[in-house]
Amino acid sequence: MNNIAKILGAFTTAGIVAVGGSAFTAGGVTNSTTGTSGFIGGTVTQTSTGADLANVAYATDDTGTAKDDVNAITLTFSTSVQGHVVTANLSDGTPANDVSVTCVTATVTPWLTAVCTPSSSFVDLETLDVRVS
């Protein structure tokens, strides 16, 4: 009886570790910037294809009254993006306003970052779709 309890305990522990591990290894973009600073209504849906991101940092134009115009996005990847093309598609929910930006990747080792700069500030960002190819 004691051996059965040990075996069940081991399976329970393994199950908890498996469930906990999946939360840390899931792909996609997470917004781990500090503070919300009233940014774009507070939410942006983010997706990533081709690489896992460790961080997304938004730079905003603070000169206007809205102070939510995105003028640059810095992407930090968990692995090198050297030799890859990184693009970011920005959307405010209206397809006619969507903007696709080819990002500039880091030029020094470990090649983990890319900076995406739209030609003009992007207002009311709702969706960020990052692609690495």
Foldseek 3Di string as FASTA:
>chain_A
DVVVVVVVVVVVVVVVCVVVVCVVPDAFDDAPDPDQVCALVRAAATGEEDFGWPHKDFDFDCPDPNRHFTFKIKTFTPAALPPKWKKKWWDQPDVVLIDIFTWAWDPDPPRGMTMTGTPDTHHNTHYIYMYID
